[in-house]
Amino acid sequence: MQAKDKCCFRVKVKVASVASFFFILNQVFLGDVAEELFVEAEVKDIEKAFKQELNKLSTKFAERNKSLKYPYTYLLPEKIPIDINI
């Protein structure tokens, strides 16, 4: 690889790293919905029940992971993005 190509490659890697870091900092995860997003009582009740279920799952997974040599963390509710960016 020539020096010019190495330089361009390094710049591309740095740009990709910065973009990934920015994306990670701005992610919103399951259950992290703004409190004032919904105003209807029925919807708020559903949202509250959903958040409680997510908390139960997180607790259950945390307990299970304590006994594992390699904890499974990929699909923890607090690590699942609420949206998909393409």
N, C-alpha and C. Protein backbone atom coordinates (compact mmCIF):
# COMPACT_ATOMS: atom_id res chain seq x y z
N MET A 1 0.85 -1.18 0.00
CA MET A 1 0.00 0.00 0.00
C MET A 1 0.89 1.24 0.00
N GLN A 2 0.59 2.19 -0.84
CA GLN A 2 1.38 3.41 -0.93
C GLN A 2 1.04 4.34 0.22
N ALA A 3 1.93 5.29 0.47
CA ALA A 3 1.76 6.22 1.58
C ALA A 3 0.45 7.01 1.47
N LYS A 4 0.11 7.42 0.25
CA LYS A 4 -1.14 8.17 0.02
C LYS A 4 -2.35 7.32 0.39
N ASP A 5 -2.32 6.05 -0.02
CA ASP A 5 -3.42 5.14 0.27
C ASP A 5 -3.54 4.89 1.77
N LYS A 6 -2.40 4.75 2.46
CA LYS A 6 -2.40 4.53 3.91
C LYS A 6 -3.03 5.72 4.62
N CYS A 7 -2.67 6.92 4.16
CA CYS A 7 -3.22 8.13 4.77
C CYS A 7 -4.73 8.20 4.59
N CYS A 8 -5.21 7.93 3.38
CA CYS A 8 -6.65 7.95 3.11
C CYS A 8 -7.38 6.91 3.94
N PHE A 9 -6.76 5.73 4.06
CA PHE A 9 -7.36 4.66 4.85
C PHE A 9 -7.48 5.10 6.32
N ARG A 10 -6.43 5.70 6.86
CA ARG A 10 -6.46 6.16 8.26
C ARG A 10 -7.54 7.21 8.47
N VAL A 11 -7.68 8.12 7.52
CA VAL A 11 -8.71 9.16 7.62
C VAL A 11 -10.09 8.51 7.61
N LYS A 12 -10.31 7.55 6.72
CA LYS A 12 -11.61 6.88 6.65
C LYS A 12 -11.92 6.14 7.95
N VAL A 13 -10.92 5.50 8.52
CA VAL A 13 -11.12 4.77 9.77
C VAL A 13 -11.46 5.75 10.89
N LYS A 14 -10.76 6.87 10.95
CA LYS A 14 -11.04 7.86 11.99
C LYS A 14 -12.43 8.45 11.84
N VAL A 15 -12.84 8.76 10.62
CA VAL A 15 -14.17 9.30 10.39
C VAL A 15 -15.23 8.29 10.80
N ALA A 16 -15.02 7.03 10.44
CA ALA A 16 -15.97 5.98 10.82
C ALA A 16 -16.03 5.82 12.34
N SER A 17 -14.89 5.92 13.01
CA SER A 17 -14.85 5.80 14.46
C SER A 17 -15.60 6.94 15.13
N VAL A 18 -15.38 8.15 14.67
CA VAL A 18 -16.06 9.32 15.23
C VAL A 18 -17.56 9.22 14.99
N ALA A 19 -17.96 8.81 13.78
CA ALA A 19 -19.38 8.67 13.46
C ALA A 19 -20.03 7.61 14.34
N SER A 20 -19.34 6.50 14.55
CA SER A 20 -19.88 5.44 15.40
C SER A 20 -20.03 5.92 16.84
N PHE A 21 -19.03 6.63 17.33
CA PHE A 21 -19.07 7.16 18.69
C PHE A 21 -20.24 8.13 18.85
N PHE A 22 -20.44 9.02 17.89
CA PHE A 22 -21.55 9.97 17.93
C PHE A 22 -22.88 9.24 17.93
N PHE A 23 -23.00 8.20 17.10
CA PHE A 23 -24.22 7.41 17.03
C PHE A 23 -24.52 6.75 18.36
N ILE A 24 -23.51 6.16 18.98
CA ILE A 24 -23.70 5.48 20.27
C ILE A 24 -24.14 6.46 21.34
N LEU A 25 -23.57 7.65 21.36
CA LEU A 25 -23.93 8.63 22.39
C LEU A 25 -25.37 9.12 22.25
N ASN A 26 -25.91 9.10 21.05
CA ASN A 26 -27.24 9.65 20.80
C ASN A 26 -28.33 8.59 20.68
N GLN A 27 -28.02 7.35 21.03
CA GLN A 27 -29.02 6.31 20.93
C GLN A 27 -30.02 6.39 22.07
N VAL A 28 -31.24 6.00 21.76
CA VAL A 28 -32.29 5.87 22.75
C VAL A 28 -32.66 4.39 22.79
N PHE A 29 -32.78 3.84 24.00
CA PHE A 29 -33.00 2.41 24.14
C PHE A 29 -34.42 2.12 24.59
N LEU A 30 -34.82 0.85 24.47
CA LEU A 30 -36.17 0.43 24.86
C LEU A 30 -36.52 0.95 26.25
N GLY A 31 -37.70 1.48 26.36
CA GLY A 31 -38.17 1.99 27.65
C GLY A 31 -37.73 3.40 27.96
N ASP A 32 -36.83 3.96 27.18
CA ASP A 32 -36.34 5.33 27.43
C ASP A 32 -37.13 6.35 26.63
N VAL A 33 -38.42 6.32 26.76
CA VAL A 33 -39.29 7.26 26.05
C VAL A 33 -39.51 8.47 26.94
N ALA A 34 -39.50 9.64 26.35
CA ALA A 34 -39.74 10.86 27.13
C ALA A 34 -41.07 10.75 27.87
N GLU A 35 -41.09 11.13 29.11
CA GLU A 35 -42.27 10.98 29.95
C GLU A 35 -43.49 11.74 29.41
N GLU A 36 -43.26 12.86 28.79
CA GLU A 36 -44.37 13.68 28.32
C GLU A 36 -44.73 13.42 26.86
N LEU A 37 -44.23 12.34 26.31
CA LEU A 37 -44.52 12.02 24.92
C LEU A 37 -45.99 11.64 24.74
N PHE A 38 -46.53 10.90 25.70
CA PHE A 38 -47.93 10.47 25.65
C PHE A 38 -48.70 11.14 26.77
N VAL A 39 -49.96 11.50 26.49
CA VAL A 39 -50.77 12.17 27.51
C VAL A 39 -52.02 11.38 27.89
N GLU A 40 -52.44 10.44 27.04
CA GLU A 40 -53.64 9.66 27.32
C GLU A 40 -53.37 8.68 28.45
N ALA A 41 -54.31 8.57 29.38
CA ALA A 41 -54.14 7.72 30.55
C ALA A 41 -53.95 6.25 30.15
N GLU A 42 -54.72 5.78 29.19
CA GLU A 42 -54.61 4.38 28.77
C GLU A 42 -53.22 4.08 28.20
N VAL A 43 -52.69 5.00 27.40
CA VAL A 43 -51.37 4.82 26.80
C VAL A 43 -50.29 4.87 27.88
N LYS A 44 -50.44 5.78 28.84
CA LYS A 44 -49.48 5.87 29.94
C LYS A 44 -49.45 4.58 30.77
N ASP A 45 -50.63 3.99 30.97
CA ASP A 45 -50.70 2.72 31.71
C ASP A 45 -49.98 1.61 30.95
N ILE A 46 -50.18 1.57 29.64
CA ILE A 46 -49.51 0.56 28.81
C ILE A 46 -48.00 0.78 28.84
N GLU A 47 -47.58 2.02 28.73
CA GLU A 47 -46.15 2.34 28.77
C GLU A 47 -45.55 1.94 30.12
N LYS A 48 -46.26 2.23 31.19
CA LYS A 48 -45.78 1.88 32.53
C LYS A 48 -45.63 0.36 32.67
N ALA A 49 -46.62 -0.40 32.20
CA ALA A 49 -46.57 -1.86 32.26
C ALA A 49 -45.40 -2.38 31.41
N PHE A 50 -45.19 -1.78 30.25
CA PHE A 50 -44.09 -2.18 29.38
C PHE A 50 -42.74 -1.96 30.07
N LYS A 51 -42.57 -0.80 30.69
CA LYS A 51 -41.32 -0.50 31.39
C LYS A 51 -41.11 -1.45 32.56
N GLN A 52 -42.18 -1.79 33.26
CA GLN A 52 -42.06 -2.73 34.38
C GLN A 52 -41.63 -4.11 33.87
N GLU A 53 -42.19 -4.53 32.76
CA GLU A 53 -41.82 -5.82 32.18
C GLU A 53 -40.35 -5.81 31.73
N LEU A 54 -39.90 -4.71 31.15
CA LEU A 54 -38.49 -4.60 30.76
C LEU A 54 -37.58 -4.68 31.99
N ASN A 55 -37.99 -4.02 33.07
CA ASN A 55 -37.19 -4.07 34.30
C ASN A 55 -37.14 -5.48 34.86
N LYS A 56 -38.25 -6.21 34.82
CA LYS A 56 -38.26 -7.60 35.29
C LYS A 56 -37.31 -8.45 34.45
N LEU A 57 -37.37 -8.26 33.14
CA LEU A 57 -36.49 -9.03 32.25
C LEU A 57 -35.02 -8.70 32.53
N SER A 58 -34.72 -7.43 32.70
CA SER A 58 -33.34 -7.03 32.96
C SER A 58 -32.83 -7.65 34.26
N THR A 59 -33.67 -7.65 35.28
CA THR A 59 -33.31 -8.25 36.56
C THR A 59 -33.09 -9.75 36.41
N LYS A 60 -33.99 -10.40 35.70
CA LYS A 60 -33.89 -11.85 35.47
C LYS A 60 -32.60 -12.18 34.72
N PHE A 61 -32.28 -11.41 33.68
CA PHE A 61 -31.08 -11.65 32.90
C PHE A 61 -29.82 -11.38 33.73
N ALA A 62 -29.86 -10.34 34.55
CA ALA A 62 -28.71 -10.01 35.40
C ALA A 62 -28.44 -11.15 36.38
N GLU A 63 -29.49 -11.70 36.96
CA GLU A 63 -29.33 -12.83 37.88
C GLU A 63 -28.75 -14.04 37.16
N ARG A 64 -29.27 -14.34 35.98
CA ARG A 64 -28.78 -15.48 35.21
C ARG A 64 -27.33 -15.29 34.82
N ASN A 65 -26.98 -14.06 34.43
CA ASN A 65 -25.62 -13.78 33.97
C ASN A 65 -24.58 -13.90 35.08
N LYS A 66 -25.01 -13.77 36.34
CA LYS A 66 -24.06 -13.89 37.46
C LYS A 66 -23.41 -15.27 37.49
N SER A 67 -24.15 -16.28 37.07
CA SER A 67 -23.63 -17.64 37.14
C SER A 67 -22.92 -18.08 35.86
N LEU A 68 -22.89 -17.22 34.86
CA LEU A 68 -22.26 -17.58 33.59
C LEU A 68 -20.81 -17.11 33.54
N LYS A 69 -19.98 -17.91 32.95
CA LYS A 69 -18.58 -17.52 32.78
C LYS A 69 -18.48 -16.33 31.83
N TYR A 70 -19.28 -16.38 30.77
CA TYR A 70 -19.32 -15.29 29.79
C TYR A 70 -20.75 -14.78 29.73
N PRO A 71 -21.04 -13.70 30.44
CA PRO A 71 -22.42 -13.19 30.48
C PRO A 71 -22.94 -12.81 29.10
N TYR A 72 -24.20 -13.08 28.89
CA TYR A 72 -24.84 -12.72 27.63
C TYR A 72 -25.44 -11.33 27.80
N THR A 73 -24.94 -10.37 27.04
CA THR A 73 -25.39 -8.99 27.20
C THR A 73 -25.93 -8.37 25.92
N TYR A 74 -25.95 -9.12 24.84
CA TYR A 74 -26.29 -8.54 23.54
C TYR A 74 -27.73 -8.09 23.42
N LEU A 75 -28.66 -8.84 23.97
CA LEU A 75 -30.07 -8.49 23.83
C LEU A 75 -30.71 -8.08 25.15
N LEU A 76 -29.93 -7.48 26.02
CA LEU A 76 -30.50 -6.93 27.24
C LEU A 76 -31.40 -5.76 26.85
N PRO A 77 -32.56 -5.63 27.48
CA PRO A 77 -33.48 -4.55 27.10
C PRO A 77 -32.84 -3.16 27.13
N GLU A 78 -31.94 -2.94 28.08
CA GLU A 78 -31.32 -1.61 28.16
C GLU A 78 -30.25 -1.39 27.09
N LYS A 79 -30.01 -2.40 26.26
CA LYS A 79 -29.02 -2.25 25.18
C LYS A 79 -29.65 -2.37 23.79
N ILE A 80 -30.97 -2.48 23.73
CA ILE A 80 -31.64 -2.58 22.44
C ILE A 80 -32.12 -1.19 22.01
N PRO A 81 -31.63 -0.71 20.89
CA PRO A 81 -32.07 0.63 20.43
C PRO A 81 -33.57 0.64 20.14
N ILE A 82 -34.18 1.77 20.38
CA ILE A 82 -35.62 1.92 20.17
C ILE A 82 -35.94 2.09 18.69
N ASP A 83 -34.94 2.43 17.89
CA ASP A 83 -35.19 2.63 16.45
C ASP A 83 -34.07 1.98 15.65
N ILE A 84 -34.24 1.97 14.37
CA ILE A 84 -33.24 1.42 13.47
C ILE A 84 -32.80 2.54 12.54
N ASN A 85 -31.51 2.78 12.50
CA ASN A 85 -30.95 3.78 11.60
C ASN A 85 -30.27 3.08 10.43
N ILE A 86 -30.60 3.52 9.25
CA ILE A 86 -30.02 2.91 8.06
C ILE A 86 -29.02 3.89 7.46
